[in-house]
């Protein structure tokens, strides 16, 4: 059994946990677990640049922003909570169809005919690719990080600390 066979079901399991959770905080933590698992999967697919971006932005920055926003929101009233719980699981019926389609598409992973990735593995050096060919992506990554940091600063600046 290779690591991909272990990571793919783990990714789906964390995804289900994220979607089916009722608490926003658990959803944010589940999203971070999905992102961390996807990062490991990207590293095994010999795609370190995408893995580093996934880990830094999705598992790190976005999770921090989500948890910060969740901590600033007011809890729902008991009436609103009861109204939300009535139809909580009925909205996930289309997900069954989506899972069946994903299982059908991922069938080649579990067969003896894996998807060929030899063309993707024969690329240039990562330093050359990162600084010469993907410079715009690096600046986009930095802009997304600074925008997230600025958003957190603005959120926390509005909170008064006098008690």
N, C-alpha and C. Protein backbone atom coordinates (compact mmCIF):
# COMPACT_ATOMS: atom_id res chain seq x y z
N UNK A 1 0.85 -1.18 0.00
CA UNK A 1 0.00 0.00 0.00
C UNK A 1 0.89 1.24 0.00
N UNK A 2 0.67 2.12 -0.96
CA UNK A 2 1.47 3.34 -0.99
C UNK A 2 0.77 4.46 -0.22
N UNK A 3 1.47 5.55 -0.07
CA UNK A 3 0.96 6.66 0.75
C UNK A 3 -0.24 7.35 0.12
N UNK A 4 -0.32 7.34 -1.20
CA UNK A 4 -1.46 7.97 -1.87
C UNK A 4 -2.75 7.24 -1.54
N UNK A 5 -2.68 5.93 -1.46
CA UNK A 5 -3.85 5.13 -1.12
C UNK A 5 -4.32 5.43 0.30
N UNK A 6 -3.41 5.84 1.15
CA UNK A 6 -3.78 6.23 2.52
C UNK A 6 -4.28 7.67 2.59
N UNK A 7 -3.67 8.56 1.82
CA UNK A 7 -4.01 9.98 1.91
C UNK A 7 -5.35 10.33 1.26
N UNK A 8 -5.70 9.67 0.16
CA UNK A 8 -6.95 10.00 -0.53
C UNK A 8 -8.19 9.71 0.33
N UNK A 9 -8.31 8.52 0.94
CA UNK A 9 -9.48 8.32 1.82
C UNK A 9 -9.46 9.25 3.04
N UNK A 10 -8.26 9.56 3.53
CA UNK A 10 -8.16 10.49 4.65
C UNK A 10 -8.65 11.88 4.24
N UNK A 11 -8.31 12.28 3.03
CA UNK A 11 -8.77 13.56 2.50
C UNK A 11 -10.29 13.60 2.40
N UNK A 12 -10.88 12.53 1.91
CA UNK A 12 -12.34 12.45 1.79
C UNK A 12 -12.99 12.43 3.17
N UNK A 13 -12.38 11.70 4.11
CA UNK A 13 -12.92 11.62 5.47
C UNK A 13 -12.91 13.00 6.15
N UNK A 14 -11.80 13.72 6.04
CA UNK A 14 -11.74 15.06 6.61
C UNK A 14 -12.71 16.01 5.90
N UNK A 15 -12.90 15.80 4.60
CA UNK A 15 -13.87 16.62 3.87
C UNK A 15 -15.29 16.39 4.37
N UNK A 16 -15.65 15.13 4.59
CA UNK A 16 -16.97 14.83 5.14
C UNK A 16 -17.13 15.42 6.54
N UNK A 17 -16.08 15.31 7.35
CA UNK A 17 -16.14 15.89 8.69
C UNK A 17 -16.39 17.40 8.61
N UNK A 18 -15.72 18.05 7.68
CA UNK A 18 -15.87 19.50 7.53
C UNK A 18 -17.28 19.86 7.09
N UNK A 19 -17.80 19.15 6.13
CA UNK A 19 -19.12 19.48 5.58
C UNK A 19 -20.24 19.14 6.55
N UNK A 20 -20.11 18.06 7.29
CA UNK A 20 -21.19 17.61 8.16
C UNK A 20 -21.13 18.19 9.56
N UNK A 21 -20.10 18.92 9.91
CA UNK A 21 -20.02 19.52 11.24
C UNK A 21 -21.06 20.61 11.39
N UNK A 22 -21.56 20.75 12.61
CA UNK A 22 -22.54 21.81 12.88
C UNK A 22 -21.88 23.05 13.45
N UNK A 23 -20.71 22.92 14.01
CA UNK A 23 -20.02 24.05 14.62
C UNK A 23 -19.09 24.70 13.60
N UNK A 24 -19.12 26.02 13.54
CA UNK A 24 -18.24 26.73 12.60
C UNK A 24 -16.77 26.53 12.94
N UNK A 25 -16.46 26.46 14.22
CA UNK A 25 -15.07 26.24 14.62
C UNK A 25 -14.58 24.87 14.17
N UNK A 26 -15.43 23.86 14.33
CA UNK A 26 -15.05 22.51 13.85
C UNK A 26 -14.91 22.48 12.34
N UNK A 27 -15.73 23.24 11.65
CA UNK A 27 -15.60 23.32 10.19
C UNK A 27 -14.28 23.94 9.79
N UNK A 28 -13.86 24.99 10.49
CA UNK A 28 -12.58 25.63 10.18
C UNK A 28 -11.42 24.69 10.47
N UNK A 29 -11.51 23.95 11.56
CA UNK A 29 -10.45 22.98 11.88
C UNK A 29 -10.45 21.85 10.86
N UNK A 30 -11.64 21.39 10.46
CA UNK A 30 -11.72 20.36 9.43
C UNK A 30 -11.16 20.82 8.10
N UNK A 31 -11.40 22.08 7.77
CA UNK A 31 -10.84 22.64 6.54
C UNK A 31 -9.32 22.68 6.60
N UNK A 32 -8.77 23.00 7.77
CA UNK A 32 -7.32 22.98 7.93
C UNK A 32 -6.78 21.56 7.79
N UNK A 33 -7.49 20.56 8.31
CA UNK A 33 -7.06 19.17 8.16
C UNK A 33 -7.11 18.73 6.70
N UNK A 34 -8.15 19.14 5.99
CA UNK A 34 -8.23 18.83 4.56
C UNK A 34 -7.06 19.45 3.82
N UNK A 35 -6.75 20.68 4.15
CA UNK A 35 -5.66 21.38 3.48
C UNK A 35 -4.31 20.75 3.80
N UNK A 36 -4.10 20.35 5.05
CA UNK A 36 -2.84 19.71 5.42
C UNK A 36 -2.69 18.36 4.73
N UNK A 37 -3.79 17.61 4.62
CA UNK A 37 -3.74 16.32 3.93
C UNK A 37 -3.48 16.53 2.44
N UNK A 38 -4.11 17.54 1.86
CA UNK A 38 -3.87 17.85 0.45
C UNK A 38 -2.42 18.27 0.23
N UNK A 39 -1.84 18.98 1.19
CA UNK A 39 -0.43 19.35 1.10
C UNK A 39 0.45 18.12 1.04
N UNK A 40 0.19 17.16 1.92
CA UNK A 40 0.97 15.92 1.90
C UNK A 40 0.79 15.19 0.58
N UNK A 41 -0.42 15.20 0.06
CA UNK A 41 -0.69 14.55 -1.23
C UNK A 41 0.05 15.25 -2.36
N UNK A 42 0.09 16.57 -2.34
CA UNK A 42 0.82 17.31 -3.37
C UNK A 42 2.33 17.04 -3.29
N UNK A 43 2.86 16.91 -2.08
CA UNK A 43 4.28 16.57 -1.95
C UNK A 43 4.57 15.18 -2.51
N UNK A 44 3.66 14.22 -2.29
CA UNK A 44 3.88 12.88 -2.84
C UNK A 44 3.76 12.86 -4.36
N UNK A 45 3.05 13.83 -4.91
CA UNK A 45 2.92 13.92 -6.37
C UNK A 45 4.04 14.74 -6.98
N UNK A 46 5.08 15.02 -6.19
CA UNK A 46 6.27 15.76 -6.63
C UNK A 46 5.90 17.16 -7.13
N UNK A 47 5.06 17.82 -6.35
CA UNK A 47 4.66 19.18 -6.67
C UNK A 47 4.87 20.07 -5.44
N UNK A 48 6.14 20.32 -5.10
CA UNK A 48 6.40 21.04 -3.84
C UNK A 48 5.94 22.49 -3.85
N UNK A 49 5.96 23.14 -4.99
CA UNK A 49 5.55 24.54 -5.04
C UNK A 49 4.06 24.68 -4.70
N UNK A 50 3.24 23.85 -5.31
CA UNK A 50 1.81 23.89 -5.01
C UNK A 50 1.55 23.47 -3.57
N UNK A 51 2.33 22.53 -3.06
CA UNK A 51 2.16 22.08 -1.68
C UNK A 51 2.49 23.19 -0.68
N UNK A 52 3.55 23.92 -0.93
CA UNK A 52 3.92 25.01 -0.03
C UNK A 52 2.86 26.11 -0.07
N UNK A 53 2.36 26.44 -1.25
CA UNK A 53 1.30 27.44 -1.34
C UNK A 53 0.05 26.97 -0.60
N UNK A 54 -0.32 25.72 -0.78
CA UNK A 54 -1.50 25.16 -0.12
C UNK A 54 -1.33 25.21 1.40
N UNK A 55 -0.17 24.85 1.88
CA UNK A 55 0.06 24.82 3.32
C UNK A 55 0.07 26.23 3.91
N UNK A 56 0.73 27.15 3.23
CA UNK A 56 0.86 28.49 3.82
C UNK A 56 -0.44 29.27 3.76
N UNK A 57 -1.13 29.23 2.63
CA UNK A 57 -2.34 30.04 2.49
C UNK A 57 -3.55 29.31 3.07
N UNK A 58 -3.82 28.12 2.60
CA UNK A 58 -5.07 27.46 2.99
C UNK A 58 -5.04 26.90 4.41
N UNK A 59 -4.00 26.16 4.74
CA UNK A 59 -3.95 25.56 6.08
C UNK A 59 -3.56 26.58 7.13
N UNK A 60 -2.81 27.59 6.75
CA UNK A 60 -2.34 28.55 7.74
C UNK A 60 -3.18 29.80 7.80
N UNK A 61 -3.05 30.63 6.80
CA UNK A 61 -3.64 31.97 6.83
C UNK A 61 -5.17 31.93 6.86
N UNK A 62 -5.79 31.15 5.99
CA UNK A 62 -7.25 31.14 5.92
C UNK A 62 -7.84 30.56 7.19
N UNK A 63 -7.21 29.55 7.78
CA UNK A 63 -7.70 29.00 9.03
C UNK A 63 -7.64 30.03 10.14
N UNK A 64 -6.56 30.78 10.21
CA UNK A 64 -6.45 31.83 11.23
C UNK A 64 -7.52 32.89 11.04
N UNK A 65 -7.76 33.29 9.80
CA UNK A 65 -8.79 34.29 9.53
C UNK A 65 -10.17 33.75 9.90
N UNK A 66 -10.47 32.50 9.53
CA UNK A 66 -11.77 31.90 9.87
C UNK A 66 -11.98 31.85 11.38
N UNK A 67 -10.98 31.37 12.11
CA UNK A 67 -11.12 31.26 13.56
C UNK A 67 -11.26 32.64 14.18
N UNK A 68 -10.54 33.62 13.66
CA UNK A 68 -10.66 34.99 14.17
C UNK A 68 -12.07 35.54 13.95
N UNK A 69 -12.60 35.34 12.77
CA UNK A 69 -13.95 35.83 12.47
C UNK A 69 -14.99 35.09 13.30
N UNK A 70 -14.83 33.79 13.47
CA UNK A 70 -15.77 33.01 14.27
C UNK A 70 -15.76 33.49 15.71
N UNK A 71 -14.58 33.82 16.23
CA UNK A 71 -14.51 34.29 17.61
C UNK A 71 -15.16 35.66 17.78
N UNK A 72 -15.29 36.43 16.71
CA UNK A 72 -15.90 37.75 16.79
C UNK A 72 -17.41 37.74 16.60
N UNK A 73 -17.97 36.64 16.10
CA UNK A 73 -19.40 36.60 15.83
C UNK A 73 -20.18 36.28 17.10
N UNK A 74 -21.41 36.74 17.12
CA UNK A 74 -22.29 36.48 18.25
C UNK A 74 -22.92 35.10 18.08
N UNK A 75 -23.08 34.33 19.16
CA UNK A 75 -23.75 33.03 19.03
C UNK A 75 -25.23 33.22 18.67
N UNK A 76 -25.76 32.25 17.97
CA UNK A 76 -27.16 32.31 17.54
C UNK A 76 -28.07 32.08 18.73
N UNK A 77 -29.27 32.61 18.63
CA UNK A 77 -30.25 32.39 19.68
C UNK A 77 -30.72 30.94 19.61
N UNK A 78 -31.30 30.42 20.70
CA UNK A 78 -31.78 29.02 20.66
C UNK A 78 -32.80 28.77 19.56
N UNK A 79 -33.63 29.77 19.25
CA UNK A 79 -34.62 29.60 18.19
C UNK A 79 -33.94 29.46 16.83
N UNK A 80 -32.93 30.28 16.57
CA UNK A 80 -32.18 30.19 15.31
C UNK A 80 -31.42 28.88 15.21
N UNK A 81 -30.88 28.40 16.32
CA UNK A 81 -30.17 27.13 16.31
C UNK A 81 -31.11 25.98 15.98
N UNK A 82 -32.31 25.99 16.57
CA UNK A 82 -33.28 24.93 16.31
C UNK A 82 -33.73 24.96 14.86
N UNK A 83 -33.93 26.15 14.31
CA UNK A 83 -34.33 26.28 12.91
C UNK A 83 -33.25 25.74 11.97
N UNK A 84 -31.99 25.97 12.31
CA UNK A 84 -30.89 25.49 11.49
C UNK A 84 -30.69 23.99 11.57
N UNK A 85 -31.01 23.39 12.72
CA UNK A 85 -30.80 21.96 12.90
C UNK A 85 -31.84 21.11 12.18
N UNK A 86 -33.01 21.67 11.91
CA UNK A 86 -34.08 20.90 11.27
C UNK A 86 -33.67 20.43 9.88
N UNK A 87 -33.11 21.31 9.09
CA UNK A 87 -32.75 20.99 7.70
C UNK A 87 -31.25 20.81 7.51
N UNK A 88 -30.53 20.52 8.56
CA UNK A 88 -29.07 20.48 8.45
C UNK A 88 -28.59 19.37 7.51
N UNK A 89 -29.10 18.17 7.68
CA UNK A 89 -28.58 17.04 6.89
C UNK A 89 -29.30 16.87 5.55
N UNK A 90 -30.48 17.44 5.38
CA UNK A 90 -31.21 17.25 4.12
C UNK A 90 -30.54 17.97 2.96
N UNK A 91 -29.77 18.99 3.24
CA UNK A 91 -29.12 19.73 2.15
C UNK A 91 -27.90 19.01 1.59
N UNK A 92 -27.50 17.91 2.20
CA UNK A 92 -26.32 17.18 1.74
C UNK A 92 -26.65 16.03 0.80
N UNK A 93 -27.90 15.91 0.38
CA UNK A 93 -28.27 14.85 -0.55
C UNK A 93 -27.52 14.94 -1.88
N UNK A 94 -27.36 16.13 -2.47
CA UNK A 94 -26.58 16.20 -3.72
C UNK A 94 -25.13 15.74 -3.55
N UNK A 95 -24.64 15.76 -2.31
CA UNK A 95 -23.26 15.32 -2.08
C UNK A 95 -23.11 13.82 -2.35
N UNK A 96 -24.17 13.06 -2.18
CA UNK A 96 -24.11 11.63 -2.47
C UNK A 96 -23.81 11.42 -3.95
N UNK A 97 -24.46 12.18 -4.80
CA UNK A 97 -24.21 12.09 -6.24
C UNK A 97 -22.79 12.53 -6.57
N UNK A 98 -22.34 13.58 -5.91
CA UNK A 98 -20.97 14.06 -6.12
C UNK A 98 -19.94 13.02 -5.69
N UNK A 99 -20.18 12.35 -4.58
CA UNK A 99 -19.25 11.32 -4.12
C UNK A 99 -19.22 10.15 -5.09
N UNK A 100 -20.37 9.78 -5.62
CA UNK A 100 -20.40 8.70 -6.60
C UNK A 100 -19.63 9.08 -7.87
N UNK A 101 -19.78 10.31 -8.31
CA UNK A 101 -19.02 10.77 -9.48
C UNK A 101 -17.51 10.81 -9.19
N UNK A 102 -17.15 11.23 -7.99
CA UNK A 102 -15.72 11.26 -7.63
C UNK A 102 -15.16 9.85 -7.54
N UNK A 103 -15.93 8.92 -7.01
CA UNK A 103 -15.46 7.54 -6.92
C UNK A 103 -15.29 6.95 -8.31
N UNK A 104 -16.18 7.28 -9.20
CA UNK A 104 -16.06 6.80 -10.58
C UNK A 104 -14.82 7.40 -11.24
N UNK A 105 -14.55 8.69 -10.99
CA UNK A 105 -13.39 9.34 -11.60
C UNK A 105 -12.08 8.86 -10.99
N UNK A 106 -12.09 8.52 -9.70
CA UNK A 106 -10.86 8.10 -9.02
C UNK A 106 -10.62 6.60 -9.11
N UNK A 107 -11.41 5.92 -9.87
CA UNK A 107 -11.30 4.47 -9.98
C UNK A 107 -9.93 4.05 -10.53
N UNK A 108 -9.34 4.86 -11.36
CA UNK A 108 -8.04 4.50 -11.93
C UNK A 108 -6.93 4.50 -10.88
N UNK A 109 -7.13 5.23 -9.77
CA UNK A 109 -6.11 5.25 -8.72
C UNK A 109 -6.00 3.89 -8.05
N UNK A 110 -7.13 3.23 -7.87
CA UNK A 110 -7.14 1.95 -7.17
C UNK A 110 -6.99 0.75 -8.10
N UNK A 111 -7.01 0.98 -9.39
CA UNK A 111 -6.75 -0.10 -10.35
C UNK A 111 -5.25 -0.24 -10.57
N UNK A 112 -4.89 -1.11 -11.45
CA UNK A 112 -3.48 -1.28 -11.80
C UNK A 112 -3.04 -0.29 -12.87
N UNK A 113 -3.91 0.60 -13.28
CA UNK A 113 -3.60 1.58 -14.31
C UNK A 113 -3.56 2.99 -13.71
N UNK A 114 -2.50 3.33 -13.00
CA UNK A 114 -2.46 4.67 -12.42
C UNK A 114 -2.31 5.73 -13.50
N UNK A 115 -2.67 6.94 -13.16
CA UNK A 115 -2.57 8.06 -14.08
C UNK A 115 -1.10 8.36 -14.32
N UNK A 116 -0.65 8.43 -15.58
CA UNK A 116 0.77 8.71 -15.82
C UNK A 116 1.12 10.15 -15.47
N UNK A 117 2.20 10.30 -14.70
CA UNK A 117 2.64 11.64 -14.31
C UNK A 117 4.08 11.88 -14.73
N UNK A 118 4.59 11.07 -15.65
CA UNK A 118 6.00 11.20 -16.03
C UNK A 118 6.29 12.53 -16.71
N UNK A 119 5.32 13.09 -17.44
CA UNK A 119 5.56 14.38 -18.10
C UNK A 119 5.69 15.50 -17.08
N UNK A 120 4.93 15.42 -16.01
CA UNK A 120 4.99 16.47 -14.99
C UNK A 120 6.26 16.38 -14.15
N UNK A 121 6.83 15.19 -14.05
CA UNK A 121 8.01 15.00 -13.21
C UNK A 121 9.30 15.42 -13.90
N UNK A 122 9.27 15.63 -15.19
CA UNK A 122 10.49 15.96 -15.91
C UNK A 122 10.58 17.46 -16.18
N UNK A 123 10.36 18.27 -15.15
CA UNK A 123 10.39 19.71 -15.29
C UNK A 123 11.75 20.29 -14.97
N UNK A 124 11.80 21.61 -14.96
CA UNK A 124 13.05 22.30 -14.67
C UNK A 124 13.27 22.37 -13.17
N UNK A 125 14.40 22.94 -12.81
CA UNK A 125 14.73 23.14 -11.41
C UNK A 125 13.70 24.06 -10.76
N UNK A 126 13.36 23.79 -9.52
CA UNK A 126 12.32 24.55 -8.84
C UNK A 126 12.71 26.02 -8.65
N UNK A 127 13.99 26.29 -8.43
CA UNK A 127 14.43 27.69 -8.26
C UNK A 127 14.23 28.48 -9.55
N UNK A 128 14.57 27.87 -10.67
CA UNK A 128 14.38 28.53 -11.96
C UNK A 128 12.89 28.76 -12.22
N UNK A 129 12.09 27.74 -11.96
CA UNK A 129 10.66 27.85 -12.18
C UNK A 129 10.04 28.91 -11.29
N UNK A 130 10.44 28.92 -10.02
CA UNK A 130 9.84 29.84 -9.06
C UNK A 130 10.20 31.29 -9.34
N UNK A 131 11.47 31.58 -9.57
CA UNK A 131 11.90 32.98 -9.67
C UNK A 131 11.92 33.52 -11.10
N UNK A 132 11.93 32.66 -12.11
CA UNK A 132 11.95 33.16 -13.48
C UNK A 132 10.62 32.98 -14.20
N UNK A 133 9.99 31.82 -14.02
CA UNK A 133 8.76 31.55 -14.76
C UNK A 133 7.50 31.86 -13.96
N UNK A 134 7.57 31.77 -12.65
CA UNK A 134 6.39 31.94 -11.80
C UNK A 134 6.49 33.13 -10.86
N UNK A 135 7.17 34.16 -11.28
CA UNK A 135 7.36 35.34 -10.41
C UNK A 135 6.02 35.97 -10.06
N UNK A 136 5.09 36.02 -10.99
CA UNK A 136 3.77 36.59 -10.72
C UNK A 136 3.03 35.79 -9.66
N UNK A 137 3.18 34.47 -9.68
CA UNK A 137 2.55 33.64 -8.66
C UNK A 137 3.11 33.93 -7.27
N UNK A 138 4.41 34.16 -7.20
CA UNK A 138 5.03 34.49 -5.91
C UNK A 138 4.48 35.81 -5.39
N UNK A 139 4.37 36.81 -6.27
CA UNK A 139 3.82 38.09 -5.83
C UNK A 139 2.34 37.97 -5.47
N UNK A 140 1.63 37.12 -6.18
CA UNK A 140 0.23 36.87 -5.82
C UNK A 140 0.11 36.21 -4.46
N UNK A 141 1.01 35.29 -4.17
CA UNK A 141 1.05 34.63 -2.86
C UNK A 141 1.32 35.66 -1.77
N UNK A 142 2.28 36.52 -1.99
CA UNK A 142 2.60 37.56 -1.01
C UNK A 142 1.43 38.52 -0.83
N UNK A 143 0.77 38.89 -1.92
CA UNK A 143 -0.37 39.80 -1.83
C UNK A 143 -1.51 39.16 -1.04
N UNK A 144 -1.76 37.87 -1.26
CA UNK A 144 -2.82 37.18 -0.52
C UNK A 144 -2.48 37.11 0.97
N UNK A 145 -1.22 36.86 1.28
CA UNK A 145 -0.82 36.80 2.69
C UNK A 145 -0.96 38.16 3.35
N UNK A 146 -0.51 39.22 2.69
CA UNK A 146 -0.61 40.55 3.28
C UNK A 146 -2.07 41.00 3.39
N UNK A 147 -2.90 40.63 2.43
CA UNK A 147 -4.33 40.97 2.52
C UNK A 147 -4.97 40.27 3.71
N UNK A 148 -4.61 39.01 3.94
CA UNK A 148 -5.14 38.29 5.10
C UNK A 148 -4.66 38.88 6.41
N UNK A 149 -3.39 39.24 6.46
CA UNK A 149 -2.85 39.86 7.68
C UNK A 149 -3.53 41.20 7.93
N UNK A 150 -3.70 41.99 6.88
CA UNK A 150 -4.37 43.28 7.01
C UNK A 150 -5.82 43.10 7.47
N UNK A 151 -6.50 42.08 6.94
CA UNK A 151 -7.87 41.81 7.36
C UNK A 151 -7.96 41.46 8.83
N UNK A 152 -7.04 40.64 9.32
CA UNK A 152 -7.04 40.29 10.74
C UNK A 152 -6.75 41.52 11.59
N UNK A 153 -5.82 42.37 11.15
CA UNK A 153 -5.50 43.59 11.90
C UNK A 153 -6.72 44.50 11.96
N UNK A 154 -7.43 44.66 10.85
CA UNK A 154 -8.62 45.50 10.83
C UNK A 154 -9.70 44.93 11.74
N UNK A 155 -9.87 43.60 11.73
CA UNK A 155 -10.88 42.98 12.59
C UNK A 155 -10.58 43.21 14.06
N UNK A 156 -9.32 43.03 14.44
CA UNK A 156 -8.98 43.17 15.85
C UNK A 156 -8.84 44.62 16.28
N UNK A 157 -8.63 45.53 15.36
CA UNK A 157 -8.51 46.94 15.71
C UNK A 157 -9.86 47.50 16.14
N UNK A 158 -10.94 46.96 15.60
CA UNK A 158 -12.28 47.43 15.94
C UNK A 158 -12.75 46.97 17.31
N UNK A 159 -12.07 46.02 17.93
CA UNK A 159 -12.47 45.51 19.24
C UNK A 159 -11.93 46.44 20.31
N UNK A 160 -12.80 46.88 21.21
CA UNK A 160 -12.32 47.72 22.31
C UNK A 160 -11.83 46.83 23.44
N UNK A 161 -10.73 47.20 24.03
CA UNK A 161 -10.13 46.38 25.07
C UNK A 161 -10.39 46.92 26.47
N UNK A 162 -11.24 47.97 26.63
CA UNK A 162 -11.50 48.46 27.98
C UNK A 162 -12.64 47.67 28.61
N UNK A 163 -12.42 47.34 29.85
CA UNK A 163 -13.42 46.56 30.57
C UNK A 163 -13.77 47.23 31.87
